Protein backbone atom coordinates (compact mmCIF):
# COMPACT_ATOMS: atom_id res chain seq x y z
CA MET A 1 75.27 82.79 100.50
CA GLY A 2 73.80 84.00 97.26
CA PRO A 3 70.38 83.52 95.76
CA PRO A 4 68.92 80.02 96.26
CA ARG A 5 69.56 77.24 93.78
CA LEU A 6 66.87 77.05 91.13
CA ASP A 7 66.33 73.67 89.50
CA GLY A 8 65.29 75.31 86.25
CA PHE A 9 68.66 76.95 85.88
CA ARG A 10 70.70 74.56 88.05
CA GLY A 11 71.83 77.19 90.55
CA ALA A 12 71.68 80.95 90.81
CA GLY A 13 75.38 81.29 90.16
CA ALA A 14 74.86 79.81 86.72
CA VAL A 15 72.55 82.66 85.78
CA ARG A 16 74.84 85.48 86.83
CA ARG A 17 77.24 85.90 83.96
CA ALA A 18 79.73 88.46 82.68
CA ASN A 19 81.63 89.35 79.55
CA PHE A 20 85.36 88.76 79.53
CA VAL A 21 86.94 91.97 78.26
CA SER A 22 90.60 92.40 77.39
CA LEU A 23 92.84 94.17 79.88
CA ALA A 24 92.47 97.94 79.82
CA PHE A 25 93.62 100.52 82.32
CA LYS A 26 91.88 103.71 81.30
CA VAL A 27 88.11 103.85 81.67
CA GLU A 28 86.31 106.55 79.69
CA LEU A 29 82.68 107.18 80.56
CA PRO A 30 80.02 109.51 79.18
CA ALA A 31 78.82 112.15 81.60
CA ARG A 32 76.13 110.79 83.88
CA SER A 33 74.18 112.12 86.81
CA TRP A 34 76.64 110.83 89.37
CA GLU A 35 79.51 112.64 87.63
CA LYS A 36 77.62 115.94 87.79
CA GLN A 37 77.00 115.81 91.52
CA ASP A 38 79.04 117.77 94.04
CA MET A 39 81.50 115.18 95.31
CA ASN A 40 83.20 117.37 97.94
CA ASN A 41 85.06 115.07 100.34
CA HIS A 42 84.68 112.03 98.11
CA ALA A 43 85.91 113.27 94.78
CA PHE A 44 89.08 112.08 93.13
CA SER A 45 90.37 112.60 89.65
CA ARG A 46 90.26 110.16 86.78
CA ARG A 47 94.04 110.34 86.63
CA GLN A 48 94.29 109.33 90.30
CA PHE A 49 91.90 106.44 89.68
CA VAL A 50 93.83 105.22 86.65
CA CYS A 51 97.15 105.53 88.47
CA SER A 52 95.85 103.64 91.50
CA THR A 53 94.47 100.89 89.26
CA VAL A 54 97.78 100.53 87.41
CA SER A 55 99.65 100.50 90.73
CA ALA A 56 97.39 97.75 92.03
CA LEU A 57 98.00 95.69 88.89
CA LEU A 58 101.76 96.07 89.14
CA ALA A 59 101.72 95.22 92.84
CA SER A 60 99.66 92.12 92.11
CA ARG A 61 102.08 91.00 89.43
CA ARG A 62 105.08 91.66 91.69
CA ALA A 63 103.49 89.52 94.39
CA THR A 64 102.97 86.72 91.90
CA GLN A 65 106.55 86.88 90.69
CA ALA A 66 107.89 87.00 94.23
CA GLY A 67 105.83 83.98 95.23
CA GLU A 68 104.32 85.79 98.23
CA ALA A 69 101.42 83.88 99.76
CA ARG A 70 99.24 83.93 102.85
CA PHE A 71 97.12 81.12 104.15
CA ILE A 72 93.66 80.81 102.61
CA ARG A 73 90.67 81.34 104.86
CA LEU A 74 88.27 78.68 103.58
CA GLY A 75 84.77 78.53 104.99
CA ALA A 76 81.36 76.88 104.60
CA PRO A 77 78.29 76.00 106.69
CA PRO A 78 79.49 73.66 109.49
CA PHE A 79 76.11 71.91 109.92
CA ALA A 80 76.53 72.30 113.68
CA LYS A 81 73.41 71.71 115.76
CA THR A 82 74.02 74.63 118.08
CA ASP A 83 73.54 78.36 118.28
CA ASP A 84 76.20 78.81 120.95
CA PRO A 85 78.88 81.21 119.61
CA GLU A 86 81.78 79.32 121.18
CA LEU A 87 80.62 75.95 119.87
CA LEU A 88 79.90 77.41 116.44
CA ALA A 89 83.43 78.80 116.18
CA LEU A 90 84.90 75.49 117.30
CA ALA A 91 82.74 73.60 114.79
CA HIS A 92 84.33 75.63 112.00
CA ARG A 93 87.85 75.01 113.28
CA LYS A 94 87.16 71.28 113.64
CA LEU A 95 86.52 71.14 109.87
CA GLY A 96 89.63 73.17 109.07
CA TYR A 97 87.69 76.34 108.31
CA ARG A 98 89.10 79.76 109.12
CA ALA A 99 86.09 81.70 107.80
CA ALA A 100 82.34 81.58 108.32
CA TYR A 101 79.07 82.93 107.03
CA CYS A 102 77.54 85.28 109.57
CA PRO A 103 75.51 83.24 112.06
CA LYS A 104 71.90 84.20 112.60
CA VAL A 105 71.72 87.30 114.78
CA ALA A 106 69.47 90.36 114.95
CA LEU A 107 70.98 93.80 114.52
CA ASP A 108 69.53 94.92 117.87
CA ASP A 109 70.85 91.89 119.80
CA ALA A 110 74.00 93.56 121.13
CA ALA A 111 74.78 90.77 123.58
CA ARG A 112 74.76 88.03 120.93
CA ILE A 113 76.71 90.19 118.48
CA LYS A 114 79.41 90.65 121.13
CA ALA A 115 79.40 86.95 121.99
CA LEU A 116 79.80 85.98 118.33
CA THR A 117 82.50 88.58 117.73
CA ASP A 118 84.48 87.47 120.79
CA ALA A 119 84.15 83.73 120.15
CA PHE A 120 85.06 83.85 116.47
CA ALA A 121 87.98 86.21 117.13
CA LYS A 122 89.20 83.94 119.94
CA HIS A 123 89.40 81.00 117.55
CA ASP A 124 90.61 83.10 114.60
CA VAL A 125 87.60 82.41 112.41
CA VAL A 126 86.78 85.42 110.23
CA ILE A 127 83.12 86.19 109.58
CA ALA A 128 83.22 86.54 105.81
CA GLU A 129 79.92 88.06 104.82
CA VAL A 130 76.38 89.03 105.65
CA GLY A 131 74.23 88.12 102.65
CA ARG A 132 71.14 90.23 101.99
CA TRP A 133 69.68 88.80 98.79
CA VAL A 134 66.92 91.20 97.74
CA ASN A 135 66.14 93.28 94.66
CA LEU A 136 67.27 96.86 95.22
CA LEU A 137 65.62 97.84 91.92
CA ASP A 138 62.23 96.24 92.48
CA ALA A 139 59.48 97.77 90.34
CA ASP A 140 57.33 98.31 93.44
CA ALA A 141 58.40 101.49 95.25
CA GLU A 142 57.46 100.17 98.70
CA LYS A 143 59.37 96.95 98.16
CA ARG A 144 62.37 98.96 96.91
CA LYS A 145 62.33 101.05 100.06
CA LYS A 146 62.04 97.97 102.27
CA ASN A 147 64.82 96.17 100.41
CA LEU A 148 67.13 99.17 100.68
CA GLN A 149 66.60 99.20 104.43
CA THR A 150 67.20 95.43 104.60
CA VAL A 151 70.60 95.82 102.93
CA THR A 152 71.47 98.91 104.97
CA ASP A 153 70.75 96.94 108.13
CA GLY A 154 72.84 94.10 106.71
CA LEU A 155 75.85 96.38 106.32
CA ALA A 156 75.29 97.72 109.83
CA LEU A 157 75.29 94.13 111.11
CA ALA A 158 78.44 93.31 109.15
CA GLU A 159 80.14 96.31 110.71
CA ALA A 160 78.97 95.39 114.22
CA VAL A 161 79.92 91.72 114.05
CA GLY A 162 83.24 92.31 112.29
CA ALA A 163 82.29 90.67 108.98
CA ARG A 164 84.37 91.49 105.93
CA CYS A 165 81.34 92.60 103.92
CA CYS A 166 77.63 92.76 103.31
CA VAL A 167 76.82 91.47 99.84
CA ASP A 168 73.83 91.68 97.50
CA ILE A 169 73.33 91.83 93.76
CA ALA A 170 72.77 95.28 92.27
CA GLY A 171 69.24 94.19 91.39
CA SER A 172 67.13 93.77 88.28
CA PHE A 173 64.37 95.56 86.43
CA SER A 174 62.72 92.20 85.79
CA THR A 175 59.13 91.94 87.03
CA THR A 176 59.07 88.14 86.97
CA SER A 177 62.27 87.26 88.86
CA TRP A 178 63.97 89.31 91.55
CA PHE A 179 67.38 88.58 90.01
CA GLY A 180 66.27 87.78 86.45
CA PRO A 181 67.27 89.15 83.06
CA HIS A 182 65.87 92.37 81.60
CA PRO A 183 67.05 94.49 78.65
CA ASP A 184 67.34 97.58 80.86
CA ASN A 185 69.83 95.89 83.18
CA PHE A 186 72.63 97.15 80.91
CA THR A 187 71.55 100.77 80.66
CA ASP A 188 72.81 104.02 82.17
CA LYS A 189 69.60 104.08 84.20
CA PHE A 190 70.55 100.80 85.86
CA PHE A 191 74.17 101.85 86.42
CA ASP A 192 73.18 105.18 87.99
CA ALA A 193 70.61 103.52 90.25
CA ALA A 194 73.13 100.91 91.42
CA VAL A 195 75.66 103.65 92.17
CA GLU A 196 73.11 105.72 94.08
CA ASN A 197 71.94 102.72 96.12
CA ALA A 198 75.51 101.79 97.07
CA ARG A 199 76.21 105.35 98.16
CA ARG A 200 73.02 105.57 100.21
CA ILE A 201 73.72 102.27 101.98
CA ILE A 202 77.35 103.14 102.74
CA ASP A 203 76.62 106.73 103.77
CA ALA A 204 73.87 105.58 106.15
CA VAL A 205 76.17 103.16 107.98
CA LYS A 206 79.57 104.86 107.55
CA PRO A 207 81.44 101.57 108.04
CA LYS A 208 85.03 101.61 109.28
CA ARG A 209 85.90 97.97 108.55
CA ALA A 210 83.08 96.18 106.66
CA LYS A 211 82.59 96.72 102.93
CA PHE A 212 79.41 96.82 100.92
CA CYS A 213 79.73 94.74 97.74
CA TYR A 214 77.76 93.84 94.66
CA GLU A 215 78.13 90.33 93.35
CA MET A 216 78.73 90.28 89.59
CA MET A 217 76.02 88.77 87.42
CA GLY A 218 75.64 87.82 83.78
CA TRP A 219 72.54 89.81 82.99
CA ALA A 220 72.96 92.82 85.24
CA MET A 221 75.80 95.19 86.02
CA PRO A 222 78.47 94.88 87.25
CA HIS A 223 78.84 92.08 84.74
CA ASP A 224 82.62 92.00 84.20
CA PRO A 225 85.81 93.38 85.81
CA ASP A 226 85.86 96.54 83.70
CA CYS A 227 82.27 97.40 84.63
CA TYR A 228 83.14 96.84 88.29
CA LEU A 229 86.06 99.26 87.96
CA ARG A 230 83.69 101.85 86.52
CA MET A 231 81.33 101.30 89.43
CA ILE A 232 84.10 101.60 92.02
CA LYS A 233 85.04 104.96 90.55
CA ALA A 234 81.42 106.10 90.37
CA VAL A 235 80.46 105.04 93.90
CA ASP A 236 83.63 106.70 95.19
CA ARG A 237 83.44 105.39 98.74
CA ASP A 238 86.08 103.56 100.75
CA GLY A 239 83.27 101.38 102.06
CA PHE A 240 82.58 99.90 98.61
CA GLY A 241 84.32 96.61 97.81
CA VAL A 242 84.30 93.66 95.43
CA HIS A 243 82.72 90.26 95.94
CA LEU A 244 84.26 87.68 93.61
CA ASP A 245 82.34 84.67 92.33
CA PRO A 246 84.15 83.63 89.15
CA CYS A 247 81.68 80.94 88.15
CA ASN A 248 79.11 83.69 87.72
CA LEU A 249 81.24 85.19 84.97
CA VAL A 250 81.38 82.12 82.73
CA ASN A 251 78.69 82.39 80.06
CA SER A 252 80.40 81.24 76.87
CA PRO A 253 82.55 78.35 75.67
CA GLU A 254 85.53 80.70 75.41
CA LYS A 255 85.28 81.75 79.06
CA PHE A 256 84.63 78.15 80.10
CA TYR A 257 87.81 76.90 78.42
CA ARG A 258 89.87 79.98 79.28
CA ASN A 259 88.66 80.50 82.81
CA ALA A 260 92.25 80.80 84.08
CA ASP A 261 92.61 83.93 81.94
CA LEU A 262 89.32 85.20 83.35
CA LEU A 263 90.50 84.56 86.91
CA ASN A 264 93.74 86.39 86.28
CA GLU A 265 91.87 89.35 84.81
CA CYS A 266 89.67 89.55 87.90
CA PHE A 267 92.62 89.51 90.26
CA ASP A 268 94.71 91.86 88.11
CA LYS A 269 91.99 94.48 87.90
CA LEU A 270 90.00 94.03 91.10
CA GLY A 271 92.35 92.31 93.53
CA ARG A 272 92.91 95.22 95.89
CA TRP A 273 89.16 95.67 96.47
CA ILE A 274 88.16 92.01 96.95
CA ALA A 275 86.48 91.53 100.34
CA SER A 276 85.15 87.97 100.05
CA CYS A 277 84.85 85.18 97.47
CA HIS A 278 82.63 82.22 96.63
CA ALA A 279 83.76 78.70 95.78
CA LYS A 280 81.84 76.43 93.45
CA ASP A 281 82.40 74.85 90.03
CA LEU A 282 80.83 74.58 86.58
CA ALA A 283 80.22 71.64 84.27
CA TRP A 284 79.06 71.89 80.65
CA GLU A 285 75.95 69.85 79.94
CA VAL A 286 76.03 69.27 76.19
CA GLU A 287 72.71 69.89 74.49
CA MET A 288 71.43 71.99 71.59
CA ASN A 289 72.49 75.23 73.27
CA VAL A 290 75.14 76.20 75.80
CA HIS A 291 74.18 75.06 79.29
CA PHE A 292 76.54 75.34 82.25
CA ARG A 293 75.54 73.75 85.52
CA GLU A 294 76.81 74.44 89.02
CA VAL A 295 78.56 71.43 90.54
CA CYS A 296 80.67 70.62 93.57
CA PRO A 297 84.24 71.99 93.38
CA GLY A 298 86.38 69.37 91.69
CA LYS A 299 83.61 68.08 89.43
CA GLY A 300 83.78 70.95 86.95
CA ALA A 301 86.30 72.92 84.93
CA LEU A 302 87.22 75.91 87.12
CA ASP A 303 91.00 76.26 87.42
CA TYR A 304 91.24 76.07 91.20
CA ALA A 305 95.03 76.07 91.18
CA THR A 306 95.03 79.53 89.59
CA TYR A 307 92.15 80.70 91.78
CA LEU A 308 93.82 79.66 95.02
CA LYS A 309 97.28 80.93 94.09
CA ARG A 310 96.00 84.37 93.17
CA LEU A 311 93.74 84.54 96.23
CA ALA A 312 96.59 83.63 98.58
CA GLN A 313 98.64 86.57 97.31
CA LEU A 314 96.14 89.25 98.33
CA PRO A 315 97.33 91.15 101.42
CA GLN A 316 93.81 91.58 102.82
CA ASN A 317 93.40 87.77 102.99
CA PRO A 318 89.80 87.55 101.65
CA PRO A 319 87.77 84.52 102.78
CA LEU A 320 86.74 81.85 100.27
CA MET A 321 83.27 80.52 100.99
CA ILE A 322 81.88 77.27 99.56
CA GLU A 323 78.20 77.63 98.62
CA HIS A 324 75.11 76.20 96.92
CA LEU A 325 75.60 72.56 97.93
CA ALA A 326 72.76 70.49 99.33
CA LYS A 327 74.20 68.50 102.22
CA ALA A 328 77.16 68.13 104.56
CA GLU A 329 78.74 65.31 102.53
CA GLU A 330 78.91 67.51 99.44
CA TYR A 331 80.56 70.29 101.43
CA ASP A 332 83.05 67.76 102.81
CA ALA A 333 83.97 66.68 99.26
CA ALA A 334 84.32 70.30 98.16
CA ARG A 335 86.51 71.13 101.14
CA GLN A 336 88.80 68.16 100.54
CA HIS A 337 89.20 69.00 96.87
CA ILE A 338 90.14 72.60 97.62
CA PHE A 339 92.55 71.48 100.34
CA GLU A 340 94.17 68.99 97.95
CA VAL A 341 94.60 71.47 95.09
CA GLY A 342 95.90 74.15 97.42
CA ARG A 343 98.41 71.94 99.19
CA LYS A 344 99.73 70.60 95.89
CA ALA A 345 100.37 74.24 94.98
CA GLY A 346 102.28 74.76 98.24
CA LEU A 347 99.51 76.74 99.93
CA SER A 348 98.29 76.63 103.52
CA PHE A 349 94.80 76.84 104.96
CA GLY A 350 95.88 77.99 108.39
CA ASP A 351 95.99 74.52 109.91
């Protein structure tokens, strides 16, 4: 569900930002270590990548113009006082949810994994994501090794339980916060390490259906749609996907006021790779410097009409997961707001 809310920064999503860069199709990169490696079965040309990206953009625009839409799989914690797979699935459906965070289950508990998979499939509730929120770039080598295994096991669990993805941040070189800012988080060293970690995780699991995703942040790559495109090309694995949390990308007044443009850029450039999404909102607390605060959907400025319309047009039907709220009543209010905006736009939530 993302890093925990921090009172000092009013939510982890508010500290993961990105730069909004104008639309560009061709990505030119300096030679790096990952480009010099023998790619063998994974290699594809820059021209193929550019062509596929342009094709995805055109397909996305055609879908928008044609008004194609699928129902939106909204999800959130159901606050159900049960661990029973059948009752958990029904608790989601009772609230109108068609997606869920992965319930607690150990990777070696084959019986519970099967029970969860069967129950959630029976009631058509998609397991959206397995969150493994650790620092893959920890300064301590032993912690790095342990964290890499934690995320690898998370992807294995996502594959076993039928989740759309396993998600983590790419990490941070900060020594004071596992997801905090550091000047080296925007260097080739960081990029190459993130690429190598993604490859190692994916190659260890060899997933057939689940994706491994990095969540975009404001002070660590991938920090905007163009950087994510670069990373997709560099990782060069079908098992690598995109996790979209648009509030994490808003770190300036321009992006705050023009967040519909930012949303459209994300879907235009990354739509075909999106595996799962987060739902929250941002409010601007006016003080002597820019301060955005995470709030319940509907109490901020995010253009949910644009968000929901673009999400509903994706053929892979990515889940939309509400997060970072404190209690059931807040999740209820968020759910009702999203339902209201979506239905006014002519969208369905599978009910």
